[in-house]
């Protein structure tokens, strides 16, 4: 019987690798923290060209060295989370193409996660995934093949953050995570606010598995259709969706019109004009996105109302309560109780 290469736990084994594009989220997170590629190349014992144009496959040990070196150089132990938040379909090779095809067929998040579990070994040999159902909850468990390695914390936090980020890209909605678990112990430099910002959920350490728990209903969310708009659409209707997407990513920072316009490469006046042509405004879109995500969090997450208000960019919970009351006709707590009573 031939050996299953996915079960080999030697970092130097020739079958253990990640595909070249997989290092890009690490590099992006490193550069965003002010790191220099030349310094990282020296620390990781590779060339600048190797990072810019990586080989088709990269040994796991080389990937770990790059990750650890990047974290050390910018003195950021949370670089794993930030790398995961930079993950995109383009970084996952064959798996990315499969997920894009799944999205084109108007399927669900559940279908996409099945693709991840089926094809992830073509992208990396870092670990394997499985899904366990428990009543109204679903837990995606990721088993790391190299859990004892020094890089395990960075890698595990990157993978789980990456799964959440990819799910949000595929659905066009923030994923209301109920709980995130890690095998590695609670870090000495643990910062609850940083982890809450990264995962938008309660994080538990020293657990028997690395996992993400979400409500089963979330798996039925449809995947977002991505179309190539015409020039006219890009200036009008498509802009509305772009603004919504950027607002969803930046709600915690209470984004201003000028910030979103800059991200989209437009002037404030131009963006305002395009939104007006669609019968809306920046403030209206901000309110719509906040209300939509507030309902998702209240219905599908285990976060407190205070934590939800902070994630949505409200300085005070009372401000969030007034906002929600205007939009839904009831307080967040009463809306949450009524929604959960209907489901039960």
C-alpha atoms as a PDB file:
ATOM      1  CA  UNK A   1       0.000   0.000   0.000  1.00  0.00           C
ATOM      2  CA  UNK A   2       1.427   3.415  -0.944  1.00  0.00           C
ATOM      3  CA  UNK A   3       1.974   6.070   1.673  1.00  0.00           C
ATOM      4  CA  UNK A   4      -0.597   8.840   1.925  1.00  0.00           C
ATOM      5  CA  UNK A   5       1.588  11.969   1.514  1.00  0.00           C
ATOM      6  CA  UNK A   6      -0.969  14.151   3.266  1.00  0.00           C
ATOM      7  CA  UNK A   7      -0.262  12.263   6.501  1.00  0.00           C
ATOM      8  CA  UNK A   8       3.527  12.683   6.456  1.00  0.00           C
ATOM      9  CA  UNK A   9       4.437  15.086   9.235  1.00  0.00           C
ATOM     10  CA  UNK A  10       8.052  15.804   8.261  1.00  0.00           C
ATOM     11  CA  UNK A  11       8.438  19.376   7.080  1.00  0.00           C
ATOM     12  CA  UNK A  12      11.321  18.297   4.870  1.00  0.00           C
ATOM     13  CA  UNK A  13       9.465  15.471   3.150  1.00  0.00           C
ATOM     14  CA  UNK A  14       9.429  16.175  -0.633  1.00  0.00           C
ATOM     15  CA  UNK A  15       5.646  15.753  -0.898  1.00  0.00           C
ATOM     16  CA  UNK A  16       4.967  18.437   1.702  1.00  0.00           C
ATOM     17  CA  UNK A  17       4.604  21.780  -0.039  1.00  0.00           C
ATOM     18  CA  UNK A  18       2.421  24.824  -0.699  1.00  0.00           C
ATOM     19  CA  UNK A  19       1.778  26.223  -4.165  1.00  0.00           C
ATOM     20  CA  UNK A  20       3.717  29.350  -5.113  1.00  0.00           C
ATOM     21  CA  UNK A  21       0.776  31.826  -5.006  1.00  0.00           C
ATOM     22  CA  UNK A  22       0.072  30.750  -1.410  1.00  0.00           C
ATOM     23  CA  UNK A  23       2.874  32.971  -0.087  1.00  0.00           C
ATOM     24  CA  UNK A  24       1.332  36.166  -1.481  1.00  0.00           C
ATOM     25  CA  UNK A  25      -1.025  36.841   1.478  1.00  0.00           C
ATOM     26  CA  UNK A  26       1.981  36.579   3.817  1.00  0.00           C
ATOM     27  CA  UNK A  27       3.942  39.069   1.715  1.00  0.00           C
ATOM     28  CA  UNK A  28       0.965  41.451   1.515  1.00  0.00           C
ATOM     29  CA  UNK A  29       0.472  41.396   5.287  1.00  0.00           C
ATOM     30  CA  UNK A  30       4.208  41.927   5.804  1.00  0.00           C
ATOM     31  CA  UNK A  31       4.373  44.881   3.400  1.00  0.00           C
ATOM     32  CA  UNK A  32       1.278  46.474   4.960  1.00  0.00           C
ATOM     33  CA  UNK A  33       3.134  46.466   8.280  1.00  0.00           C
ATOM     34  CA  UNK A  34       5.996  48.413   6.716  1.00  0.00           C
ATOM     35  CA  UNK A  35       8.306  45.489   5.978  1.00  0.00           C
ATOM     36  CA  UNK A  36      10.861  45.518   3.135  1.00  0.00           C
ATOM     37  CA  UNK A  37      11.121  42.637   0.684  1.00  0.00           C
ATOM     38  CA  UNK A  38      14.917  42.717   0.581  1.00  0.00           C
ATOM     39  CA  UNK A  39      15.141  42.349   4.378  1.00  0.00           C
ATOM     40  CA  UNK A  40      12.670  39.461   4.313  1.00  0.00           C
ATOM     41  CA  UNK A  41      14.546  37.745   1.490  1.00  0.00           C
ATOM     42  CA  UNK A  42      17.771  37.886   3.513  1.00  0.00           C
ATOM     43  CA  UNK A  43      16.101  36.616   6.687  1.00  0.00           C
ATOM     44  CA  UNK A  44      14.349  33.765   4.868  1.00  0.00           C
ATOM     45  CA  UNK A  45      17.474  32.842   2.839  1.00  0.00           C
ATOM     46  CA  UNK A  46      15.785  33.410  -0.533  1.00  0.00           C
ATOM     47  CA  UNK A  47      16.129  36.018  -3.269  1.00  0.00           C
ATOM     48  CA  UNK A  48      13.842  38.974  -3.990  1.00  0.00           C
ATOM     49  CA  UNK A  49      13.022  37.348  -7.326  1.00  0.00           C
ATOM     50  CA  UNK A  50      12.032  34.101  -5.573  1.00  0.00           C
ATOM     51  CA  UNK A  51       9.332  36.009  -3.658  1.00  0.00           C
ATOM     52  CA  UNK A  52       8.107  38.095  -6.586  1.00  0.00           C
ATOM     53  CA  UNK A  53       8.051  35.111  -8.945  1.00  0.00           C
ATOM     54  CA  UNK A  54       7.889  32.037  -6.665  1.00  0.00           C
ATOM     55  CA  UNK A  55       8.375  28.481  -7.911  1.00  0.00           C
ATOM     56  CA  UNK A  56       5.332  26.352  -8.677  1.00  0.00           C
ATOM     57  CA  UNK A  57       5.748  24.480  -5.387  1.00  0.00           C
ATOM     58  CA  UNK A  58       7.436  25.628  -2.183  1.00  0.00           C
ATOM     59  CA  UNK A  59       8.667  23.304   0.551  1.00  0.00           C
ATOM     60  CA  UNK A  60       6.717  23.575   3.791  1.00  0.00           C
ATOM     61  CA  UNK A  61       9.927  24.338   5.713  1.00  0.00           C
ATOM     62  CA  UNK A  62      10.676  27.255   3.373  1.00  0.00           C
ATOM     63  CA  UNK A  63       7.107  28.521   3.785  1.00  0.00           C
ATOM     64  CA  UNK A  64       7.407  28.330   7.576  1.00  0.00           C
ATOM     65  CA  UNK A  65      10.757  30.134   7.517  1.00  0.00           C
ATOM     66  CA  UNK A  66       9.272  32.925   5.386  1.00  0.00           C
ATOM     67  CA  UNK A  67       6.273  33.299   7.709  1.00  0.00           C
ATOM     68  CA  UNK A  68       8.348  33.338  10.898  1.00  0.00           C
ATOM     69  CA  UNK A  69      10.886  35.750   9.414  1.00  0.00           C
ATOM     70  CA  UNK A  70       8.152  38.145   8.299  1.00  0.00           C
ATOM     71  CA  UNK A  71       6.534  38.104  11.748  1.00  0.00           C
ATOM     72  CA  UNK A  72       9.874  38.668  13.493  1.00  0.00           C
ATOM     73  CA  UNK A  73      10.979  41.509  11.222  1.00  0.00           C
ATOM     74  CA  UNK A  74       7.829  43.594  11.739  1.00  0.00           C
ATOM     75  CA  UNK A  75       7.499  42.376  15.344  1.00  0.00           C
ATOM     76  CA  UNK A  76       3.890  41.358  14.759  1.00  0.00           C
ATOM     77  CA  UNK A  77       2.787  38.033  16.297  1.00  0.00           C
ATOM     78  CA  UNK A  78      -0.647  38.548  14.700  1.00  0.00           C
ATOM     79  CA  UNK A  79       0.706  38.459  11.164  1.00  0.00           C
ATOM     80  CA  UNK A  80      -1.049  35.131  10.636  1.00  0.00           C
ATOM     81  CA  UNK A  81      -4.461  36.716  11.063  1.00  0.00           C
ATOM     82  CA  UNK A  82      -3.548  39.556   8.727  1.00  0.00           C
ATOM     83  CA  UNK A  83      -2.213  37.129   6.117  1.00  0.00           C
ATOM     84  CA  UNK A  84      -5.518  35.260   6.202  1.00  0.00           C
ATOM     85  CA  UNK A  85      -7.398  38.501   5.677  1.00  0.00           C
ATOM     86  CA  UNK A  86      -5.349  39.088   2.520  1.00  0.00           C
ATOM     87  CA  UNK A  87      -6.194  35.680   1.031  1.00  0.00           C
ATOM     88  CA  UNK A  88      -8.046  35.691  -2.290  1.00  0.00           C
ATOM     89  CA  UNK A  89      -9.162  33.147  -4.878  1.00  0.00           C
ATOM     90  CA  UNK A  90      -6.058  33.943  -6.919  1.00  0.00           C
ATOM     91  CA  UNK A  91      -3.837  32.576  -4.124  1.00  0.00           C
ATOM     92  CA  UNK A  92      -5.340  29.087  -4.198  1.00  0.00           C
ATOM     93  CA  UNK A  93      -4.416  27.812  -7.651  1.00  0.00           C
ATOM     94  CA  UNK A  94      -6.693  24.905  -8.698  1.00  0.00           C
ATOM     95  CA  UNK A  95      -8.861  25.346  -5.609  1.00  0.00           C
ATOM     96  CA  UNK A  96      -9.387  29.014  -6.441  1.00  0.00           C
ATOM     97  CA  UNK A  97     -10.544  28.105  -9.950  1.00  0.00           C
ATOM     98  CA  UNK A  98     -12.911  25.484  -8.549  1.00  0.00           C
ATOM     99  CA  UNK A  99     -14.402  27.967  -6.083  1.00  0.00           C
ATOM    100  CA  UNK A 100     -14.840  30.533  -8.860  1.00  0.00           C
ATOM    101  CA  UNK A 101     -16.657  27.916 -10.944  1.00  0.00           C
ATOM    102  CA  UNK A 102     -18.850  26.998  -7.990  1.00  0.00           C
ATOM    103  CA  UNK A 103     -19.781  30.655  -7.585  1.00  0.00           C
ATOM    104  CA  UNK A 104     -20.624  30.885 -11.295  1.00  0.00           C
ATOM    105  CA  UNK A 105     -23.145  28.052 -10.875  1.00  0.00           C
ATOM    106  CA  UNK A 106     -25.137  29.999  -8.270  1.00  0.00           C
ATOM    107  CA  UNK A 107     -24.540  27.432  -5.545  1.00  0.00           C
ATOM    108  CA  UNK A 108     -24.184  27.932  -1.797  1.00  0.00           C
ATOM    109  CA  UNK A 109     -21.473  28.467   0.778  1.00  0.00           C
ATOM    110  CA  UNK A 110     -21.918  24.844   1.807  1.00  0.00           C
ATOM    111  CA  UNK A 111     -21.026  23.712  -1.717  1.00  0.00           C
ATOM    112  CA  UNK A 112     -17.935  25.922  -1.669  1.00  0.00           C
ATOM    113  CA  UNK A 113     -16.715  24.474   1.636  1.00  0.00           C
ATOM    114  CA  UNK A 114     -17.118  20.977   0.219  1.00  0.00           C
ATOM    115  CA  UNK A 115     -14.835  22.040  -2.628  1.00  0.00           C
ATOM    116  CA  UNK A 116     -12.278  23.263  -0.088  1.00  0.00           C
ATOM    117  CA  UNK A 117     -12.188  19.913   1.680  1.00  0.00           C
ATOM    118  CA  UNK A 118     -11.974  17.975  -1.573  1.00  0.00           C
ATOM    119  CA  UNK A 119      -9.229  19.983  -3.233  1.00  0.00           C
ATOM    120  CA  UNK A 120      -7.191  21.676  -0.494  1.00  0.00           C
ATOM    121  CA  UNK A 121      -4.401  19.048  -0.657  1.00  0.00           C
ATOM    122  CA  UNK A 122      -3.694  20.273  -4.208  1.00  0.00           C
ATOM    123  CA  UNK A 123      -2.903  23.713  -2.778  1.00  0.00           C
ATOM    124  CA  UNK A 124      -0.971  22.790   0.366  1.00  0.00           C
ATOM    125  CA  UNK A 125      -0.022  19.898   2.615  1.00  0.00           C
ATOM    126  CA  UNK A 126      -0.353  21.920   5.808  1.00  0.00           C
ATOM    127  CA  UNK A 127      -3.472  20.157   7.061  1.00  0.00           C
ATOM    128  CA  UNK A 128      -6.905  18.798   6.216  1.00  0.00           C
ATOM    129  CA  UNK A 129     -10.482  19.948   6.822  1.00  0.00           C
ATOM    130  CA  UNK A 130     -13.736  18.308   7.730  1.00  0.00           C
ATOM    131  CA  UNK A 131     -17.211  19.498   8.705  1.00  0.00           C
ATOM    132  CA  UNK A 132     -19.168  18.280  11.717  1.00  0.00           C
ATOM    133  CA  UNK A 133     -22.855  19.118  12.214  1.00  0.00           C
ATOM    134  CA  UNK A 134     -24.394  19.576  15.639  1.00  0.00           C
ATOM    135  CA  UNK A 135     -28.051  20.489  15.436  1.00  0.00           C
ATOM    136  CA  UNK A 136     -28.285  24.077  14.266  1.00  0.00           C
ATOM    137  CA  UNK A 137     -24.498  24.545  14.336  1.00  0.00           C
ATOM    138  CA  UNK A 138     -21.746  23.494  11.969  1.00  0.00           C
ATOM    139  CA  UNK A 139     -18.085  23.262  12.895  1.00  0.00           C
ATOM    140  CA  UNK A 140     -15.364  23.365  10.239  1.00  0.00           C
ATOM    141  CA  UNK A 141     -12.370  21.587  11.776  1.00  0.00           C
ATOM    142  CA  UNK A 142      -8.871  22.058  10.397  1.00  0.00           C
ATOM    143  CA  UNK A 143      -6.262  19.503  11.466  1.00  0.00           C
ATOM    144  CA  UNK A 144      -2.744  20.893  11.174  1.00  0.00           C
ATOM    145  CA  UNK A 145      -0.124  18.337  10.156  1.00  0.00           C
ATOM    146  CA  UNK A 146       2.665  20.313  11.832  1.00  0.00           C
ATOM    147  CA  UNK A 147       1.004  21.472  15.061  1.00  0.00           C
ATOM    148  CA  UNK A 148       4.205  21.183  17.178  1.00  0.00           C
ATOM    149  CA  UNK A 149       6.170  23.452  14.812  1.00  0.00           C
ATOM    150  CA  UNK A 150       7.129  26.947  15.975  1.00  0.00           C
ATOM    151  CA  UNK A 151       5.146  28.388  13.040  1.00  0.00           C
ATOM    152  CA  UNK A 152       1.923  26.589  14.011  1.00  0.00           C
ATOM    153  CA  UNK A 153       0.312  29.628  15.623  1.00  0.00           C
ATOM    154  CA  UNK A 154       0.896  31.828  12.581  1.00  0.00           C
ATOM    155  CA  UNK A 155      -0.225  29.132  10.151  1.00  0.00           C
ATOM    156  CA  UNK A 156      -3.355  28.030  12.028  1.00  0.00           C
ATOM    157  CA  UNK A 157      -4.533  31.599  12.608  1.00  0.00           C
ATOM    158  CA  UNK A 158      -3.842  32.371   8.956  1.00  0.00           C
ATOM    159  CA  UNK A 159      -5.798  29.357   7.701  1.00  0.00           C
ATOM    160  CA  UNK A 160      -8.888  30.003   9.832  1.00  0.00           C
ATOM    161  CA  UNK A 161      -8.865  33.739   9.080  1.00  0.00           C
ATOM    162  CA  UNK A 162      -8.405  32.862   5.396  1.00  0.00           C
ATOM    163  CA  UNK A 163     -11.405  30.519   5.364  1.00  0.00           C
ATOM    164  CA  UNK A 164     -13.598  33.226   6.876  1.00  0.00           C
ATOM    165  CA  UNK A 165     -12.278  35.838   4.450  1.00  0.00           C
ATOM    166  CA  UNK A 166     -12.817  33.576   1.420  1.00  0.00           C
ATOM    167  CA  UNK A 167     -16.352  32.792   2.585  1.00  0.00           C
ATOM    168  CA  UNK A 168     -17.041  36.522   2.766  1.00  0.00           C
ATOM    169  CA  UNK A 169     -15.627  37.045  -0.722  1.00  0.00           C
ATOM    170  CA  UNK A 170     -17.774  34.250  -2.101  1.00  0.00           C
ATOM    171  CA  UNK A 171     -21.026  35.346  -0.450  1.00  0.00           C
ATOM    172  CA  UNK A 172     -20.498  39.104  -0.447  1.00  0.00           C
ATOM    173  CA  UNK A 173     -21.538  39.145   3.227  1.00  0.00           C
ATOM    174  CA  UNK A 174     -19.716  39.230   6.539  1.00  0.00           C
ATOM    175  CA  UNK A 175     -19.743  35.746   8.028  1.00  0.00           C
ATOM    176  CA  UNK A 176     -21.207  35.765  11.573  1.00  0.00           C
ATOM    177  CA  UNK A 177     -18.847  33.321  13.281  1.00  0.00           C
ATOM    178  CA  UNK A 178     -20.046  31.864  16.576  1.00  0.00           C
ATOM    179  CA  UNK A 179     -16.723  30.595  17.906  1.00  0.00           C
ATOM    180  CA  UNK A 180     -13.114  30.051  16.840  1.00  0.00           C
ATOM    181  CA  UNK A 181     -10.946  27.406  18.542  1.00  0.00           C
ATOM    182  CA  UNK A 182      -7.192  26.852  18.440  1.00  0.00           C
ATOM    183  CA  UNK A 183      -5.010  23.969  19.586  1.00  0.00           C
ATOM    184  CA  UNK A 184      -2.137  26.275  20.539  1.00  0.00           C
ATOM    185  CA  UNK A 185      -2.284  27.812  24.018  1.00  0.00           C
ATOM    186  CA  UNK A 186      -3.475  31.323  24.683  1.00  0.00           C
ATOM    187  CA  UNK A 187      -0.567  33.590  23.661  1.00  0.00           C
ATOM    188  CA  UNK A 188       1.224  35.614  26.311  1.00  0.00           C
ATOM    189  CA  UNK A 189       0.671  38.668  24.121  1.00  0.00           C
ATOM    190  CA  UNK A 190      -3.046  37.918  23.709  1.00  0.00           C
ATOM    191  CA  UNK A 191      -5.127  41.009  22.970  1.00  0.00           C
ATOM    192  CA  UNK A 192      -8.868  40.375  22.994  1.00  0.00           C
ATOM    193  CA  UNK A 193      -9.651  43.432  20.862  1.00  0.00           C
ATOM    194  CA  UNK A 194      -7.183  42.370  18.163  1.00  0.00           C
ATOM    195  CA  UNK A 195      -8.556  38.838  17.974  1.00  0.00           C
ATOM    196  CA  UNK A 196     -12.138  40.071  17.992  1.00  0.00           C
ATOM    197  CA  UNK A 197     -11.281  42.410  15.137  1.00  0.00           C
ATOM    198  CA  UNK A 198      -9.615  39.561  13.261  1.00  0.00           C
ATOM    199  CA  UNK A 199     -12.251  36.867  13.731  1.00  0.00           C
ATOM    200  CA  UNK A 200     -15.333  38.785  14.954  1.00  0.00           C
ATOM    201  CA  UNK A 201     -16.001  35.958  17.385  1.00  0.00           C
ATOM    202  CA  UNK A 202     -15.039  34.551  20.752  1.00  0.00           C
ATOM    203  CA  UNK A 203     -11.659  32.804  20.506  1.00  0.00           C
ATOM    204  CA  UNK A 204     -10.725  29.803  22.648  1.00  0.00           C
ATOM    205  CA  UNK A 205      -7.216  28.406  23.024  1.00  0.00           C
ATOM    206  CA  UNK A 206      -5.737  25.102  24.146  1.00  0.00           C
ATOM    207  CA  UNK A 207      -8.597  23.186  22.544  1.00  0.00           C
ATOM    208  CA  UNK A 208      -8.589  19.718  20.981  1.00  0.00           C
ATOM    209  CA  UNK A 209      -8.919  21.120  17.465  1.00  0.00           C
ATOM    210  CA  UNK A 210      -8.588  24.227  15.294  1.00  0.00           C
ATOM    211  CA  UNK A 211     -12.096  25.102  14.186  1.00  0.00           C
ATOM    212  CA  UNK A 212     -14.709  27.651  13.155  1.00  0.00           C
ATOM    213  CA  UNK A 213     -18.298  27.275  14.337  1.00  0.00           C
ATOM    214  CA  UNK A 214     -21.145  28.904  12.411  1.00  0.00           C
ATOM    215  CA  UNK A 215     -24.915  28.538  12.305  1.00  0.00           C
ATOM    216  CA  UNK A 216     -26.041  25.802   9.912  1.00  0.00           C
ATOM    217  CA  UNK A 217     -28.320  28.311   8.139  1.00  0.00           C
ATOM    218  CA  UNK A 218     -25.261  30.258   6.982  1.00  0.00           C
ATOM    219  CA  UNK A 219     -24.168  27.308   4.801  1.00  0.00           C
ATOM    220  CA  UNK A 220     -27.286  27.867   2.704  1.00  0.00           C
ATOM    221  CA  UNK A 221     -26.314  31.445   1.855  1.00  0.00           C
ATOM    222  CA  UNK A 222     -26.005  31.815  -1.932  1.00  0.00           C
ATOM    223  CA  UNK A 223     -22.668  32.641  -3.495  1.00  0.00           C
ATOM    224  CA  UNK A 224     -22.310  36.105  -4.940  1.00  0.00           C
ATOM    225  CA  UNK A 225     -22.337  36.376  -8.713  1.00  0.00           C
ATOM    226  CA  UNK A 226     -19.397  38.345 -10.073  1.00  0.00           C
ATOM    227  CA  UNK A 227     -19.976  39.807 -13.514  1.00  0.00           C
ATOM    228  CA  UNK A 228     -17.903  42.051 -15.689  1.00  0.00           C
ATOM    229  CA  UNK A 229     -19.869  45.276 -15.968  1.00  0.00           C
ATOM    230  CA  UNK A 230     -19.959  47.547 -18.966  1.00  0.00           C
ATOM    231  CA  UNK A 231     -18.328  50.965 -18.718  1.00  0.00           C
ATOM    232  CA  UNK A 232     -21.686  52.591 -17.974  1.00  0.00           C
ATOM    233  CA  UNK A 233     -22.545  50.029 -15.285  1.00  0.00           C
ATOM    234  CA  UNK A 234     -19.133  50.527 -13.701  1.00  0.00           C
ATOM    235  CA  UNK A 235     -20.007  54.189 -13.221  1.00  0.00           C
ATOM    236  CA  UNK A 236     -23.450  53.548 -11.738  1.00  0.00           C
ATOM    237  CA  UNK A 237     -25.001  50.319 -10.496  1.00  0.00           C
ATOM    238  CA  UNK A 238     -21.715  48.440 -10.086  1.00  0.00           C
ATOM    239  CA  UNK A 239     -20.364  51.295  -7.977  1.00  0.00           C
ATOM    240  CA  UNK A 240     -23.148  50.766  -5.441  1.00  0.00           C
ATOM    241  CA  UNK A 241     -22.027  47.150  -4.938  1.00  0.00           C
ATOM    242  CA  UNK A 242     -18.397  48.210  -4.701  1.00  0.00           C
ATOM    243  CA  UNK A 243     -19.224  50.730  -1.996  1.00  0.00           C
ATOM    244  CA  UNK A 244     -21.249  48.136  -0.069  1.00  0.00           C
ATOM    245  CA  UNK A 245     -18.414  45.634  -0.255  1.00  0.00           C
ATOM    246  CA  UNK A 246     -15.865  48.148   1.008  1.00  0.00           C
ATOM    247  CA  UNK A 247     -18.162  49.302   3.787  1.00  0.00           C
ATOM    248  CA  UNK A 248     -18.607  45.700   4.918  1.00  0.00           C
ATOM    249  CA  UNK A 249     -14.847  45.262   5.169  1.00  0.00           C
ATOM    250  CA  UNK A 250     -14.270  48.510   7.076  1.00  0.00           C
ATOM    251  CA  UNK A 251     -17.308  48.990   9.310  1.00  0.00           C
ATOM    252  CA  UNK A 252     -15.340  48.711  12.542  1.00  0.00           C
ATOM    253  CA  UNK A 253     -13.302  51.762  11.562  1.00  0.00           C
ATOM    254  CA  UNK A 254     -16.375  53.914  10.853  1.00  0.00           C
ATOM    255  CA  UNK A 255     -15.264  54.649   7.263  1.00  0.00           C
ATOM    256  CA  UNK A 256     -15.841  58.094   5.791  1.00  0.00           C
ATOM    257  CA  UNK A 257     -16.879  58.865   2.230  1.00  0.00           C
ATOM    258  CA  UNK A 258     -13.385  60.164   1.442  1.00  0.00           C
ATOM    259  CA  UNK A 259     -11.796  56.871   2.548  1.00  0.00           C
ATOM    260  CA  UNK A 260     -14.099  54.697   0.431  1.00  0.00           C
ATOM    261  CA  UNK A 261     -13.705  57.000  -2.561  1.00  0.00           C
ATOM    262  CA  UNK A 262      -9.908  56.745  -2.259  1.00  0.00           C
ATOM    263  CA  UNK A 263     -10.071  52.941  -2.092  1.00  0.00           C
ATOM    264  CA  UNK A 264     -12.162  52.935  -5.286  1.00  0.00           C
ATOM    265  CA  UNK A 265      -9.821  55.396  -6.976  1.00  0.00           C
ATOM    266  CA  UNK A 266     -12.435  58.155  -7.278  1.00  0.00           C
ATOM    267  CA  UNK A 267     -13.017  61.657  -6.002  1.00  0.00           C
ATOM    268  CA  UNK A 268     -15.672  62.245  -3.364  1.00  0.00           C
ATOM    269  CA  UNK A 269     -17.722  64.348  -5.803  1.00  0.00           C
ATOM    270  CA  UNK A 270     -17.631  61.681  -8.520  1.00  0.00           C
ATOM    271  CA  UNK A 271     -18.681  58.948  -6.119  1.00  0.00           C
ATOM    272  CA  UNK A 272     -21.502  61.052  -4.708  1.00  0.00           C
ATOM    273  CA  UNK A 273     -22.767  61.761  -8.230  1.00  0.00           C
ATOM    274  CA  UNK A 274     -22.785  58.088  -9.214  1.00  0.00           C
ATOM    275  CA  UNK A 275     -24.643  57.092  -6.070  1.00  0.00           C
ATOM    276  CA  UNK A 276     -27.199  59.853  -6.626  1.00  0.00           C
ATOM    277  CA  UNK A 277     -27.819  58.526 -10.149  1.00  0.00           C
ATOM    278  CA  UNK A 278     -28.811  55.244  -8.535  1.00  0.00           C
ATOM    279  CA  UNK A 279     -31.203  56.971  -6.163  1.00  0.00           C
ATOM    280  CA  UNK A 280     -29.103  56.503  -3.066  1.00  0.00           C
ATOM    281  CA  UNK A 281     -26.348  58.140  -1.020  1.00  0.00           C
ATOM    282  CA  UNK A 282     -23.283  57.176   0.940  1.00  0.00           C
ATOM    283  CA  UNK A 283     -25.059  57.595   4.275  1.00  0.00           C
ATOM    284  CA  UNK A 284     -27.983  55.469   3.101  1.00  0.00           C
ATOM    285  CA  UNK A 285     -25.661  52.679   1.959  1.00  0.00           C
ATOM    286  CA  UNK A 286     -23.743  52.850   5.249  1.00  0.00           C
ATOM    287  CA  UNK A 287     -27.013  52.515   7.171  1.00  0.00           C
ATOM    288  CA  UNK A 288     -28.190  49.623   4.963  1.00  0.00           C
ATOM    289  CA  UNK A 289     -24.934  47.702   5.346  1.00  0.00           C
ATOM    290  CA  UNK A 290     -24.828  48.275   9.094  1.00  0.00           C
ATOM    291  CA  UNK A 291     -28.416  47.129   9.566  1.00  0.00           C
ATOM    292  CA  UNK A 292     -27.965  44.064   7.362  1.00  0.00           C
ATOM    293  CA  UNK A 293     -24.839  42.935   9.212  1.00  0.00           C
ATOM    294  CA  UNK A 294     -26.390  43.768  12.586  1.00  0.00           C
ATOM    295  CA  UNK A 295     -29.234  41.362  11.848  1.00  0.00           C
ATOM    296  CA  UNK A 296     -26.802  38.629  10.778  1.00  0.00           C
ATOM    297  CA  UNK A 297     -24.716  39.030  13.926  1.00  0.00           C
ATOM    298  CA  UNK A 298     -27.761  39.114  16.218  1.00  0.00           C
ATOM    299  CA  UNK A 299     -29.244  36.019  14.614  1.00  0.00           C
ATOM    300  CA  UNK A 300     -26.199  33.869  13.940  1.00  0.00           C
ATOM    301  CA  UNK A 301     -23.338  34.861  16.280  1.00  0.00           C
ATOM    302  CA  UNK A 302     -22.637  34.513  19.992  1.00  0.00           C
ATOM    303  CA  UNK A 303     -21.357  38.068  20.325  1.00  0.00           C
ATOM    304  CA  UNK A 304     -22.873  40.408  22.894  1.00  0.00           C
ATOM    305  CA  UNK A 305     -24.820  43.420  21.687  1.00  0.00           C
ATOM    306  CA  UNK A 306     -21.971  45.644  22.886  1.00  0.00           C
ATOM    307  CA  UNK A 307     -19.449  43.674  20.817  1.00  0.00           C
ATOM    308  CA  UNK A 308     -21.728  43.810  17.769  1.00  0.00           C
ATOM    309  CA  UNK A 309     -22.102  47.570  18.117  1.00  0.00           C
ATOM    310  CA  UNK A 310     -18.296  47.924  18.229  1.00  0.00           C
ATOM    311  CA  UNK A 311     -17.823  45.765  15.121  1.00  0.00           C
ATOM    312  CA  UNK A 312     -20.321  47.955  13.282  1.00  0.00           C
ATOM    313  CA  UNK A 313     -18.388  51.106  14.149  1.00  0.00           C
ATOM    314  CA  UNK A 314     -20.593  52.586  16.887  1.00  0.00           C
ATOM    315  CA  UNK A 315     -18.753  54.292  19.721  1.00  0.00           C
ATOM    316  CA  UNK A 316     -21.577  53.705  22.181  1.00  0.00           C
ATOM    317  CA  UNK A 317     -24.019  50.808  22.465  1.00  0.00           C
ATOM    318  CA  UNK A 318     -26.808  53.322  23.055  1.00  0.00           C
ATOM    319  CA  UNK A 319     -26.164  54.808  19.599  1.00  0.00           C
ATOM    320  CA  UNK A 320     -26.432  51.354  18.063  1.00  0.00           C
ATOM    321  CA  UNK A 321     -29.660  50.688  19.971  1.00  0.00           C
ATOM    322  CA  UNK A 322     -31.235  53.900  18.624  1.00  0.00           C
ATOM    323  CA  UNK A 323     -30.023  53.108  15.093  1.00  0.00           C
ATOM    324  CA  UNK A 324     -31.456  49.594  15.181  1.00  0.00           C
ATOM    325  CA  UNK A 325     -34.742  50.780  16.656  1.00  0.00           C
ATOM    326  CA  UNK A 326     -35.200  53.240  13.771  1.00  0.00           C
ATOM    327  CA  UNK A 327     -34.402  50.578  11.190  1.00  0.00           C
ATOM    328  CA  UNK A 328     -36.299  47.580  12.592  1.00  0.00           C
ATOM    329  CA  UNK A 329     -38.897  49.023  14.936  1.00  0.00           C
ATOM    330  CA  UNK A 330     -37.556  47.231  17.999  1.00  0.00           C
ATOM    331  CA  UNK A 331     -34.436  47.119  20.135  1.00  0.00           C
ATOM    332  CA  UNK A 332     -31.606  44.735  19.176  1.00  0.00           C
ATOM    333  CA  UNK A 333     -32.326  42.541  22.194  1.00  0.00           C
ATOM    334  CA  UNK A 334     -36.050  42.222  21.501  1.00  0.00           C
ATOM    335  CA  UNK A 335     -35.428  41.606  17.779  1.00  0.00           C
ATOM    336  CA  UNK A 336     -32.903  38.898  18.645  1.00  0.00           C
ATOM    337  CA  UNK A 337     -35.252  37.213  21.129  1.00  0.00           C
ATOM    338  CA  UNK A 338     -38.148  37.283  18.670  1.00  0.00           C
ATOM    339  CA  UNK A 339     -36.035  35.901  15.807  1.00  0.00           C
ATOM    340  CA  UNK A 340     -34.646  33.048  17.890  1.00  0.00           C
ATOM    341  CA  UNK A 341     -38.121  32.236  19.249  1.00  0.00           C
ATOM    342  CA  UNK A 342     -39.471  31.924  15.700  1.00  0.00           C
ATOM    343  CA  UNK A 343     -36.608  29.575  14.726  1.00  0.00           C
ATOM    344  CA  UNK A 344     -37.122  27.363  17.744  1.00  0.00           C
END
